[in-house]
Each structure stands twice: as structure tokens, then as C-alpha cells.
Amino acid sequence: WTHLRLSIQKSKDGGWIVAGTAWSAGEQAPSTPSISIEEKEEPPAGRASISGMPYSGEPIRFDDLKITVPL
């Protein structure tokens, strides 16, 4: 299994930081994101969703999804 954590946070300059971290099951999560981008526009309101397109042609299965709001 591969764990994936995605986050979006408002930055100090008024933009948004979208970050992602991935790690293999049984390992500890990295302390810094594997990838991050800065976005100037606020994300649209709506429902959270996840999808993927595999290179191998095999289906991607997502399991145990959890959405949290930081305190």
C-alpha cells in the first residue's frame, strides 16, 4: 500500500499552498511534502474528490479515505 496525504492551506500573502506527501505502508511519513505548488486563486467551493489514471492500465483503488480540518 501507498499512503497519500494532500493538504491545502492559505498562505501569508493571500494565496494558497497545495502540498502532497506519499510513503509506503510500514514506513514513517516524510516530514516535508514530496511536492507543493502555490496557487493564487482560492479553490472553488464543493465536495472533495479523488481520482487517478494509471499508466499500467490496471485500476487504481482508493481505500480508507479520511478528510480532516486542521485545528
C-alpha atoms as a PDB file:
ATOM      1  CA  TRP A   1       0.000   0.000   0.000  1.00  0.00           C
ATOM      2  CA  THR A   2       0.988   3.613  -0.540  1.00  0.00           C
ATOM      3  CA  HIS A   3      -0.233   6.321   1.814  1.00  0.00           C
ATOM      4  CA  LEU A   4      -1.041   9.711   0.298  1.00  0.00           C
ATOM      5  CA  ARG A   5      -1.634  12.943   2.186  1.00  0.00           C
ATOM      6  CA  LEU A   6      -2.850  16.067   0.381  1.00  0.00           C
ATOM      7  CA  SER A   7      -3.287  19.439   2.025  1.00  0.00           C
ATOM      8  CA  ILE A   8      -4.305  22.945   1.073  1.00  0.00           C
ATOM      9  CA  GLN A   9      -3.598  25.942   3.275  1.00  0.00           C
ATOM     10  CA  LYS A  10      -3.923  29.674   2.912  1.00  0.00           C
ATOM     11  CA  SER A  11      -0.514  31.348   2.693  1.00  0.00           C
ATOM     12  CA  LYS A  12       0.519  34.577   4.403  1.00  0.00           C
ATOM     13  CA  ASP A  13       0.473  36.500   1.103  1.00  0.00           C
ATOM     14  CA  GLY A  14      -3.190  35.613   0.465  1.00  0.00           C
ATOM     15  CA  GLY A  15      -2.555  32.750  -1.956  1.00  0.00           C
ATOM     16  CA  TRP A  16      -2.874  29.011  -1.359  1.00  0.00           C
ATOM     17  CA  ILE A  17      -0.301  26.250  -0.879  1.00  0.00           C
ATOM     18  CA  VAL A  18      -1.240  22.795  -2.159  1.00  0.00           C
ATOM     19  CA  ALA A  19       1.097  20.052  -0.892  1.00  0.00           C
ATOM     20  CA  GLY A  20       1.297  16.287  -1.254  1.00  0.00           C
ATOM     21  CA  THR A  21       3.233  13.583   0.569  1.00  0.00           C
ATOM     22  CA  ALA A  22       3.419   9.873  -0.326  1.00  0.00           C
ATOM     23  CA  TRP A  23       5.064   6.979   1.504  1.00  0.00           C
ATOM     24  CA  SER A  24       4.928   3.184   1.567  1.00  0.00           C
ATOM     25  CA  ALA A  25       2.949   1.290   4.189  1.00  0.00           C
ATOM     26  CA  GLY A  26       5.049   0.404   7.214  1.00  0.00           C
ATOM     27  CA  GLU A  27       7.312   3.429   6.770  1.00  0.00           C
ATOM     28  CA  GLN A  28       7.102   6.736   8.583  1.00  0.00           C
ATOM     29  CA  ALA A  29       5.549   9.701   6.774  1.00  0.00           C
ATOM     30  CA  PRO A  30       8.146  12.197   5.468  1.00  0.00           C
ATOM     31  CA  SER A  31       8.393  15.405   7.487  1.00  0.00           C
ATOM     32  CA  THR A  32       8.301  17.582   4.357  1.00  0.00           C
ATOM     33  CA  PRO A  33       5.950  17.376   1.347  1.00  0.00           C
ATOM     34  CA  SER A  34       7.077  15.438  -1.725  1.00  0.00           C
ATOM     35  CA  ILE A  35       5.505  18.096  -3.952  1.00  0.00           C
ATOM     36  CA  SER A  36       3.951  21.516  -3.408  1.00  0.00           C
ATOM     37  CA  ILE A  37       2.668  24.358  -5.537  1.00  0.00           C
ATOM     38  CA  GLU A  38       1.493  27.876  -4.827  1.00  0.00           C
ATOM     39  CA  GLU A  39      -1.862  28.903  -6.265  1.00  0.00           C
ATOM     40  CA  LYS A  40      -3.041  32.493  -6.390  1.00  0.00           C
ATOM     41  CA  GLU A  41      -6.784  31.838  -6.782  1.00  0.00           C
ATOM     42  CA  GLU A  42      -8.969  30.488  -3.998  1.00  0.00           C
ATOM     43  CA  PRO A  43     -10.126  26.926  -4.682  1.00  0.00           C
ATOM     44  CA  PRO A  44     -13.779  26.628  -5.713  1.00  0.00           C
ATOM     45  CA  ALA A  45     -16.312  25.529  -3.129  1.00  0.00           C
ATOM     46  CA  GLY A  46     -17.602  21.997  -3.464  1.00  0.00           C
ATOM     47  CA  ARG A  47     -17.142  18.418  -2.409  1.00  0.00           C
ATOM     48  CA  ALA A  48     -13.758  16.774  -2.033  1.00  0.00           C
ATOM     49  CA  SER A  49     -12.985  14.035  -4.549  1.00  0.00           C
ATOM     50  CA  ILE A  50     -10.068  11.879  -5.631  1.00  0.00           C
ATOM     51  CA  SER A  51      -9.359  10.098  -8.898  1.00  0.00           C
ATOM     52  CA  GLY A  52      -6.418   8.636 -10.755  1.00  0.00           C
ATOM     53  CA  MET A  53      -5.342   7.456 -14.183  1.00  0.00           C
ATOM     54  CA  PRO A  54      -2.858   4.578 -14.082  1.00  0.00           C
ATOM     55  CA  TYR A  55      -0.080   4.234 -16.632  1.00  0.00           C
ATOM     56  CA  SER A  56      -0.315   0.429 -16.467  1.00  0.00           C
ATOM     57  CA  GLY A  57      -3.970   0.162 -17.430  1.00  0.00           C
ATOM     58  CA  GLU A  58      -4.733  -1.579 -14.117  1.00  0.00           C
ATOM     59  CA  PRO A  59      -7.429   0.077 -11.993  1.00  0.00           C
ATOM     60  CA  ILE A  60      -6.465   2.328  -9.098  1.00  0.00           C
ATOM     61  CA  ARG A  61      -8.331   1.601  -5.887  1.00  0.00           C
ATOM     62  CA  PHE A  62      -8.653   4.101  -3.066  1.00  0.00           C
ATOM     63  CA  ASP A  63      -9.467   2.833   0.407  1.00  0.00           C
ATOM     64  CA  ASP A  64      -9.932   4.302   3.875  1.00  0.00           C
ATOM     65  CA  LEU A  65     -10.271   7.925   2.762  1.00  0.00           C
ATOM     66  CA  LYS A  66     -10.387  10.466   5.569  1.00  0.00           C
ATOM     67  CA  ILE A  67     -10.963  14.212   5.282  1.00  0.00           C
ATOM     68  CA  THR A  68      -9.905  16.350   8.231  1.00  0.00           C
ATOM     69  CA  VAL A  69      -9.972  20.018   9.085  1.00  0.00           C
ATOM     70  CA  PRO A  70      -6.844  21.271  10.872  1.00  0.00           C
ATOM     71  CA  LEU A  71      -7.435  22.929  14.224  1.00  0.00           C
END
